[in-house]
Amino acid sequence: MVALKDSLFEENKVQQYKAEQIKQQVFTKNEQIANQEKNIDILNKDVQRKKEWNLFLIVIVGLFIISIVLLYQKYSFRNKANKVLTSKNELISEQKKEIEIINKELENRMLRA
């Protein structure tokens, strides 16, 4: 009878030991899952930051390109305006010379008359 009690006691101890092992394994797995969830959150935040950074860079590059295009247009417009003004100044200069020639001719005619 004592042997039977000892075997039952032994069997209960084995079951309790196995139950404790299972609890420990469950606890360990839960910790691993919690750590993996934290890692996933960190990775998701990194991905979000990278997306925001990429968007920021795209906006900056876009603004830079727009600025370059506007500056080029301004430069081009100034060049065209300068060319027009230069041609008009040349025309005015030629007309002034012609007027001076005509004035000299008129002055000579008046002196002759």
N, C-alpha and C. Protein backbone atom coordinates (compact mmCIF):
# COMPACT_ATOMS: atom_id res chain seq x y z
N MET A 1 0.81 -1.17 0.00
CA MET A 1 0.00 0.00 0.00
C MET A 1 0.88 1.26 0.00
N VAL A 2 1.96 1.24 0.75
CA VAL A 2 2.87 2.36 0.81
C VAL A 2 3.49 2.58 -0.58
N ALA A 3 3.78 1.47 -1.27
CA ALA A 3 4.36 1.59 -2.60
C ALA A 3 3.37 2.25 -3.56
N LEU A 4 2.08 1.90 -3.40
CA LEU A 4 1.05 2.49 -4.24
C LEU A 4 0.93 4.00 -3.96
N LYS A 5 0.95 4.36 -2.66
CA LYS A 5 0.89 5.78 -2.30
C LYS A 5 2.11 6.51 -2.84
N ASP A 6 3.27 5.86 -2.72
CA ASP A 6 4.48 6.49 -3.23
C ASP A 6 4.42 6.67 -4.74
N SER A 7 3.90 5.67 -5.46
CA SER A 7 3.80 5.78 -6.91
C SER A 7 2.80 6.85 -7.30
N LEU A 8 1.65 6.95 -6.57
CA LEU A 8 0.68 7.99 -6.84
C LEU A 8 1.27 9.37 -6.53
N PHE A 9 1.98 9.45 -5.40
CA PHE A 9 2.63 10.70 -5.03
C PHE A 9 3.66 11.09 -6.07
N GLU A 10 4.42 10.08 -6.50
CA GLU A 10 5.45 10.28 -7.53
C GLU A 10 4.79 10.74 -8.83
N GLU A 11 3.68 10.12 -9.17
CA GLU A 11 2.97 10.46 -10.40
C GLU A 11 2.43 11.89 -10.32
N ASN A 12 1.89 12.28 -9.16
CA ASN A 12 1.42 13.65 -8.96
C ASN A 12 2.56 14.65 -9.09
N LYS A 13 3.71 14.30 -8.50
CA LYS A 13 4.88 15.17 -8.60
C LYS A 13 5.31 15.33 -10.05
N VAL A 14 5.30 14.23 -10.81
CA VAL A 14 5.68 14.28 -12.22
C VAL A 14 4.70 15.16 -12.99
N GLN A 15 3.42 15.02 -12.73
CA GLN A 15 2.41 15.84 -13.40
C GLN A 15 2.57 17.32 -13.04
N GLN A 16 2.83 17.59 -11.75
CA GLN A 16 3.05 18.96 -11.31
C GLN A 16 4.31 19.53 -11.99
N TYR A 17 5.35 18.71 -12.07
CA TYR A 17 6.59 19.15 -12.71
C TYR A 17 6.34 19.46 -14.19
N LYS A 18 5.59 18.57 -14.86
CA LYS A 18 5.28 18.79 -16.27
C LYS A 18 4.41 20.04 -16.44
N ALA A 19 3.46 20.25 -15.51
CA ALA A 19 2.60 21.43 -15.57
C ALA A 19 3.45 22.69 -15.40
N GLU A 20 4.41 22.66 -14.45
CA GLU A 20 5.29 23.79 -14.25
C GLU A 20 6.17 24.04 -15.48
N GLN A 21 6.63 22.98 -16.10
CA GLN A 21 7.42 23.11 -17.32
C GLN A 21 6.60 23.78 -18.42
N ILE A 22 5.36 23.33 -18.56
CA ILE A 22 4.47 23.89 -19.58
C ILE A 22 4.20 25.37 -19.28
N LYS A 23 3.96 25.70 -18.00
CA LYS A 23 3.74 27.10 -17.62
C LYS A 23 4.97 27.94 -17.96
N GLN A 24 6.15 27.38 -17.65
CA GLN A 24 7.38 28.11 -17.95
C GLN A 24 7.56 28.30 -19.46
N GLN A 25 7.23 27.26 -20.23
CA GLN A 25 7.33 27.37 -21.68
C GLN A 25 6.35 28.41 -22.22
N VAL A 26 5.13 28.40 -21.68
CA VAL A 26 4.13 29.37 -22.10
C VAL A 26 4.59 30.78 -21.76
N PHE A 27 5.14 30.95 -20.54
CA PHE A 27 5.65 32.26 -20.12
C PHE A 27 6.77 32.72 -21.05
N THR A 28 7.68 31.81 -21.37
CA THR A 28 8.80 32.13 -22.26
C THR A 28 8.28 32.50 -23.64
N LYS A 29 7.35 31.74 -24.16
CA LYS A 29 6.79 32.03 -25.49
C LYS A 29 6.06 33.39 -25.49
N ASN A 30 5.32 33.67 -24.40
CA ASN A 30 4.63 34.96 -24.31
C ASN A 30 5.63 36.11 -24.30
N GLU A 31 6.76 35.94 -23.60
CA GLU A 31 7.80 36.97 -23.61
C GLU A 31 8.38 37.14 -25.00
N GLN A 32 8.62 36.02 -25.68
CA GLN A 32 9.14 36.08 -27.05
C GLN A 32 8.16 36.80 -27.96
N ILE A 33 6.88 36.50 -27.82
CA ILE A 33 5.86 37.15 -28.64
C ILE A 33 5.83 38.65 -28.35
N ALA A 34 5.91 39.02 -27.06
CA ALA A 34 5.90 40.44 -26.70
C ALA A 34 7.13 41.14 -27.29
N ASN A 35 8.29 40.51 -27.22
CA ASN A 35 9.49 41.10 -27.81
C ASN A 35 9.37 41.24 -29.32
N GLN A 36 8.80 40.24 -29.97
CA GLN A 36 8.62 40.31 -31.41
C GLN A 36 7.63 41.41 -31.79
N GLU A 37 6.59 41.59 -30.98
CA GLU A 37 5.63 42.66 -31.24
C GLU A 37 6.31 44.03 -31.09
N LYS A 38 7.18 44.15 -30.07
CA LYS A 38 7.93 45.40 -29.91
C LYS A 38 8.84 45.64 -31.12
N ASN A 39 9.50 44.59 -31.57
CA ASN A 39 10.37 44.71 -32.75
C ASN A 39 9.58 45.11 -33.99
N ILE A 40 8.39 44.52 -34.13
CA ILE A 40 7.53 44.86 -35.27
C ILE A 40 7.12 46.33 -35.18
N ASP A 41 6.76 46.79 -33.97
CA ASP A 41 6.40 48.21 -33.81
C ASP A 41 7.57 49.11 -34.17
N ILE A 42 8.76 48.75 -33.73
CA ILE A 42 9.95 49.55 -34.05
C ILE A 42 10.18 49.57 -35.55
N LEU A 43 10.07 48.42 -36.19
CA LEU A 43 10.26 48.36 -37.65
C LEU A 43 9.20 49.16 -38.39
N ASN A 44 7.96 49.09 -37.91
CA ASN A 44 6.89 49.87 -38.54
C ASN A 44 7.15 51.37 -38.41
N LYS A 45 7.65 51.78 -37.24
CA LYS A 45 7.98 53.20 -37.05
C LYS A 45 9.13 53.60 -37.97
N ASP A 46 10.12 52.73 -38.12
CA ASP A 46 11.23 53.02 -39.03
C ASP A 46 10.74 53.16 -40.46
N VAL A 47 9.85 52.27 -40.88
CA VAL A 47 9.30 52.33 -42.24
C VAL A 47 8.52 53.64 -42.41
N GLN A 48 7.75 54.01 -41.40
CA GLN A 48 6.98 55.25 -41.48
C GLN A 48 7.91 56.46 -41.58
N ARG A 49 8.99 56.47 -40.78
CA ARG A 49 9.95 57.57 -40.83
C ARG A 49 10.60 57.64 -42.21
N LYS A 50 10.94 56.48 -42.75
CA LYS A 50 11.57 56.47 -44.08
C LYS A 50 10.60 57.00 -45.13
N LYS A 51 9.33 56.64 -45.03
CA LYS A 51 8.34 57.15 -45.97
C LYS A 51 8.22 58.67 -45.85
N GLU A 52 8.18 59.16 -44.61
CA GLU A 52 8.08 60.60 -44.40
C GLU A 52 9.32 61.30 -44.93
N TRP A 53 10.49 60.73 -44.68
CA TRP A 53 11.75 61.31 -45.16
C TRP A 53 11.77 61.34 -46.69
N ASN A 54 11.34 60.24 -47.31
CA ASN A 54 11.30 60.19 -48.77
C ASN A 54 10.34 61.24 -49.32
N LEU A 55 9.18 61.39 -48.68
CA LEU A 55 8.22 62.41 -49.12
C LEU A 55 8.83 63.80 -48.97
N PHE A 56 9.51 64.03 -47.86
CA PHE A 56 10.18 65.31 -47.63
C PHE A 56 11.21 65.58 -48.72
N LEU A 57 12.01 64.57 -49.03
CA LEU A 57 13.02 64.73 -50.08
C LEU A 57 12.38 65.00 -51.44
N ILE A 58 11.30 64.30 -51.73
CA ILE A 58 10.60 64.51 -53.00
C ILE A 58 10.09 65.95 -53.09
N VAL A 59 9.52 66.45 -51.99
CA VAL A 59 9.01 67.82 -51.98
C VAL A 59 10.16 68.81 -52.17
N ILE A 60 11.27 68.58 -51.46
CA ILE A 60 12.42 69.48 -51.58
C ILE A 60 12.97 69.46 -53.00
N VAL A 61 13.11 68.27 -53.58
CA VAL A 61 13.62 68.17 -54.95
C VAL A 61 12.65 68.85 -55.92
N GLY A 62 11.36 68.66 -55.70
CA GLY A 62 10.36 69.31 -56.55
C GLY A 62 10.45 70.83 -56.47
N LEU A 63 10.57 71.34 -55.25
CA LEU A 63 10.71 72.79 -55.08
C LEU A 63 12.00 73.29 -55.73
N PHE A 64 13.06 72.51 -55.60
CA PHE A 64 14.34 72.88 -56.21
C PHE A 64 14.21 72.95 -57.73
N ILE A 65 13.56 71.95 -58.31
CA ILE A 65 13.37 71.93 -59.76
C ILE A 65 12.51 73.10 -60.21
N ILE A 66 11.44 73.37 -59.47
CA ILE A 66 10.57 74.50 -59.81
C ILE A 66 11.35 75.81 -59.73
N SER A 67 12.17 75.94 -58.69
CA SER A 67 12.99 77.15 -58.54
C SER A 67 13.94 77.31 -59.72
N ILE A 68 14.57 76.21 -60.12
CA ILE A 68 15.50 76.27 -61.25
C ILE A 68 14.76 76.67 -62.52
N VAL A 69 13.59 76.10 -62.74
CA VAL A 69 12.81 76.43 -63.94
C VAL A 69 12.41 77.91 -63.92
N LEU A 70 11.96 78.39 -62.75
CA LEU A 70 11.58 79.81 -62.65
C LEU A 70 12.77 80.73 -62.87
N LEU A 71 13.91 80.37 -62.28
CA LEU A 71 15.11 81.19 -62.49
C LEU A 71 15.54 81.19 -63.95
N TYR A 72 15.45 80.05 -64.59
CA TYR A 72 15.80 79.97 -66.02
C TYR A 72 14.86 80.84 -66.85
N GLN A 73 13.57 80.77 -66.54
CA GLN A 73 12.61 81.59 -67.27
C GLN A 73 12.88 83.07 -67.06
N LYS A 74 13.21 83.44 -65.82
CA LYS A 74 13.53 84.83 -65.52
C LYS A 74 14.77 85.26 -66.29
N TYR A 75 15.79 84.42 -66.29
CA TYR A 75 17.02 84.70 -67.03
C TYR A 75 16.74 84.82 -68.52
N SER A 76 15.94 83.89 -69.04
CA SER A 76 15.60 83.91 -70.46
C SER A 76 14.80 85.18 -70.81
N PHE A 77 13.86 85.53 -69.95
CA PHE A 77 13.06 86.73 -70.19
C PHE A 77 13.94 87.97 -70.19
N ARG A 78 14.88 88.04 -69.23
CA ARG A 78 15.78 89.19 -69.18
C ARG A 78 16.65 89.27 -70.43
N ASN A 79 17.13 88.12 -70.87
CA ASN A 79 17.94 88.11 -72.10
C ASN A 79 17.13 88.60 -73.29
N LYS A 80 15.90 88.12 -73.39
CA LYS A 80 15.06 88.57 -74.51
C LYS A 80 14.78 90.06 -74.40
N ALA A 81 14.49 90.52 -73.17
CA ALA A 81 14.22 91.95 -72.99
C ALA A 81 15.46 92.77 -73.31
N ASN A 82 16.62 92.30 -72.90
CA ASN A 82 17.87 93.01 -73.21
C ASN A 82 18.12 93.05 -74.71
N LYS A 83 17.85 91.95 -75.39
CA LYS A 83 18.03 91.92 -76.84
C LYS A 83 17.10 92.92 -77.52
N VAL A 84 15.84 92.95 -77.05
CA VAL A 84 14.88 93.89 -77.63
C VAL A 84 15.33 95.32 -77.37
N LEU A 85 15.75 95.60 -76.14
CA LEU A 85 16.20 96.95 -75.81
C LEU A 85 17.45 97.32 -76.60
N THR A 86 18.36 96.38 -76.75
CA THR A 86 19.57 96.65 -77.53
C THR A 86 19.22 96.96 -78.98
N SER A 87 18.33 96.18 -79.56
CA SER A 87 17.94 96.43 -80.95
C SER A 87 17.22 97.77 -81.08
N LYS A 88 16.39 98.11 -80.11
CA LYS A 88 15.70 99.41 -80.15
C LYS A 88 16.69 100.55 -79.98
N ASN A 89 17.68 100.36 -79.09
CA ASN A 89 18.71 101.40 -78.91
C ASN A 89 19.51 101.59 -80.19
N GLU A 90 19.83 100.50 -80.87
CA GLU A 90 20.55 100.59 -82.13
C GLU A 90 19.71 101.33 -83.17
N LEU A 91 18.41 101.00 -83.22
CA LEU A 91 17.51 101.66 -84.15
C LEU A 91 17.42 103.16 -83.84
N ILE A 92 17.30 103.48 -82.56
CA ILE A 92 17.24 104.90 -82.16
C ILE A 92 18.54 105.60 -82.54
N SER A 93 19.65 104.93 -82.33
CA SER A 93 20.96 105.51 -82.69
C SER A 93 21.03 105.79 -84.17
N GLU A 94 20.59 104.86 -84.98
CA GLU A 94 20.61 105.05 -86.44
C GLU A 94 19.69 106.20 -86.84
N GLN A 95 18.50 106.22 -86.20
CA GLN A 95 17.56 107.30 -86.51
C GLN A 95 18.13 108.65 -86.08
N LYS A 96 18.82 108.68 -84.96
CA LYS A 96 19.44 109.92 -84.50
C LYS A 96 20.49 110.40 -85.49
N LYS A 97 21.29 109.46 -85.98
CA LYS A 97 22.30 109.82 -86.99
C LYS A 97 21.64 110.37 -88.25
N GLU A 98 20.57 109.70 -88.67
CA GLU A 98 19.85 110.17 -89.86
C GLU A 98 19.27 111.56 -89.63
N ILE A 99 18.73 111.79 -88.45
CA ILE A 99 18.16 113.11 -88.13
C ILE A 99 19.26 114.16 -88.13
N GLU A 100 20.44 113.81 -87.56
CA GLU A 100 21.55 114.76 -87.57
C GLU A 100 21.98 115.10 -89.00
N ILE A 101 22.03 114.07 -89.84
CA ILE A 101 22.38 114.30 -91.25
C ILE A 101 21.35 115.22 -91.91
N ILE A 102 20.07 114.95 -91.67
CA ILE A 102 19.01 115.77 -92.26
C ILE A 102 19.11 117.19 -91.72
N ASN A 103 19.38 117.34 -90.42
CA ASN A 103 19.52 118.69 -89.83
C ASN A 103 20.68 119.45 -90.46
N LYS A 104 21.79 118.76 -90.69
CA LYS A 104 22.94 119.41 -91.34
C LYS A 104 22.59 119.84 -92.76
N GLU A 105 21.88 118.96 -93.45
CA GLU A 105 21.47 119.31 -94.82
C GLU A 105 20.55 120.52 -94.80
N LEU A 106 19.59 120.54 -93.87
CA LEU A 106 18.67 121.68 -93.76
C LEU A 106 19.43 122.95 -93.38
N GLU A 107 20.39 122.79 -92.49
CA GLU A 107 21.18 123.95 -92.08
C GLU A 107 21.99 124.50 -93.26
N ASN A 108 22.57 123.58 -94.04
CA ASN A 108 23.31 124.00 -95.23
C ASN A 108 22.38 124.68 -96.23
N ARG A 109 21.19 124.19 -96.41
CA ARG A 109 20.22 124.80 -97.34
C ARG A 109 19.84 126.19 -96.88
N MET A 110 19.65 126.30 -95.56
CA MET A 110 19.27 127.61 -95.03
C MET A 110 20.40 128.60 -95.20
N LEU A 111 21.63 128.14 -95.01
CA LEU A 111 22.78 129.03 -95.19
C LEU A 111 22.92 129.43 -96.67
N ARG A 112 22.64 128.54 -97.58
CA ARG A 112 22.71 128.84 -98.99
C ARG A 112 21.61 129.81 -99.40
N ALA A 113 20.46 129.64 -98.79
CA ALA A 113 19.33 130.47 -99.16
C ALA A 113 19.54 131.84 -98.53
